[in-house]
Amino acid sequence: MTYQTVSAFAQTYGLAALFIMFTVAVTYALWPGNRAKFDRAAKTPLEED
């Protein structure tokens, strides 16, 4: 295996892996069932205990 082969493999499949992880993260953040959890987390710094 040459450097060019390894580099092309890493660039192609690395980009695909990062795109899939980004898609999963955005889907998780925008999923309607997580709304209450994120609203609670957003208000936590404003609460006085």
C-alpha atoms as a PDB file:
ATOM      1  CA  MET A   1       0.000   0.000   0.000  1.00  0.00           C
ATOM      2  CA  THR A   2       1.297   3.376  -0.942  1.00  0.00           C
ATOM      3  CA  TYR A   3       0.727   6.656   0.802  1.00  0.00           C
ATOM      4  CA  GLN A   4      -1.619   7.775  -1.964  1.00  0.00           C
ATOM      5  CA  THR A   5      -3.800   4.677  -1.584  1.00  0.00           C
ATOM      6  CA  VAL A   6      -4.086   5.048   2.184  1.00  0.00           C
ATOM      7  CA  SER A   7      -4.711   8.771   1.870  1.00  0.00           C
ATOM      8  CA  ALA A   8      -7.488   8.320  -0.695  1.00  0.00           C
ATOM      9  CA  PHE A   9      -9.112   5.615   1.445  1.00  0.00           C
ATOM     10  CA  ALA A  10      -8.964   7.768   4.586  1.00  0.00           C
ATOM     11  CA  GLN A  11     -10.320  10.839   2.815  1.00  0.00           C
ATOM     12  CA  THR A  12     -13.221   8.992   1.210  1.00  0.00           C
ATOM     13  CA  TYR A  13     -14.361   6.882   4.132  1.00  0.00           C
ATOM     14  CA  GLY A  14     -13.432   9.496   6.734  1.00  0.00           C
ATOM     15  CA  LEU A  15     -15.723  11.979   5.029  1.00  0.00           C
ATOM     16  CA  ALA A  16     -18.504   9.411   4.883  1.00  0.00           C
ATOM     17  CA  ALA A  17     -18.082   8.551   8.581  1.00  0.00           C
ATOM     18  CA  LEU A  18     -18.121  12.211   9.637  1.00  0.00           C
ATOM     19  CA  PHE A  19     -21.200  12.880   7.514  1.00  0.00           C
ATOM     20  CA  ILE A  20     -23.029   9.954   9.119  1.00  0.00           C
ATOM     21  CA  MET A  21     -22.063  11.102  12.629  1.00  0.00           C
ATOM     22  CA  PHE A  22     -23.206  14.655  11.831  1.00  0.00           C
ATOM     23  CA  THR A  23     -26.532  13.369  10.512  1.00  0.00           C
ATOM     24  CA  VAL A  24     -27.076  11.247  13.634  1.00  0.00           C
ATOM     25  CA  ALA A  25     -26.233  14.182  15.934  1.00  0.00           C
ATOM     26  CA  VAL A  26     -28.607  16.566  14.147  1.00  0.00           C
ATOM     27  CA  THR A  27     -31.367  13.954  14.108  1.00  0.00           C
ATOM     28  CA  TYR A  28     -30.912  13.362  17.843  1.00  0.00           C
ATOM     29  CA  ALA A  29     -30.971  17.089  18.589  1.00  0.00           C
ATOM     30  CA  LEU A  30     -34.109  17.726  16.542  1.00  0.00           C
ATOM     31  CA  TRP A  31     -36.046  14.587  17.568  1.00  0.00           C
ATOM     32  CA  PRO A  32     -39.383  15.684  19.075  1.00  0.00           C
ATOM     33  CA  GLY A  33     -39.058  13.345  22.071  1.00  0.00           C
ATOM     34  CA  ASN A  34     -35.916  15.164  23.267  1.00  0.00           C
ATOM     35  CA  ARG A  35     -37.567  18.577  23.445  1.00  0.00           C
ATOM     36  CA  ALA A  36     -38.414  18.412  27.167  1.00  0.00           C
ATOM     37  CA  LYS A  37     -34.900  17.240  28.053  1.00  0.00           C
ATOM     38  CA  PHE A  38     -33.264  20.099  26.153  1.00  0.00           C
ATOM     39  CA  ASP A  39     -35.708  22.687  27.534  1.00  0.00           C
ATOM     40  CA  ARG A  40     -34.912  21.508  31.081  1.00  0.00           C
ATOM     41  CA  ALA A  41     -31.170  21.655  30.372  1.00  0.00           C
ATOM     42  CA  ALA A  42     -31.489  25.177  28.939  1.00  0.00           C
ATOM     43  CA  LYS A  43     -33.221  26.451  32.085  1.00  0.00           C
ATOM     44  CA  THR A  44     -30.862  24.792  34.582  1.00  0.00           C
ATOM     45  CA  PRO A  45     -28.332  27.688  34.800  1.00  0.00           C
ATOM     46  CA  LEU A  46     -31.165  30.098  35.623  1.00  0.00           C
ATOM     47  CA  GLU A  47     -32.523  28.114  38.573  1.00  0.00           C
ATOM     48  CA  GLU A  48     -31.657  29.072  42.121  1.00  0.00           C
ATOM     49  CA  ASP A  49     -31.376  26.169  44.501  1.00  0.00           C
END
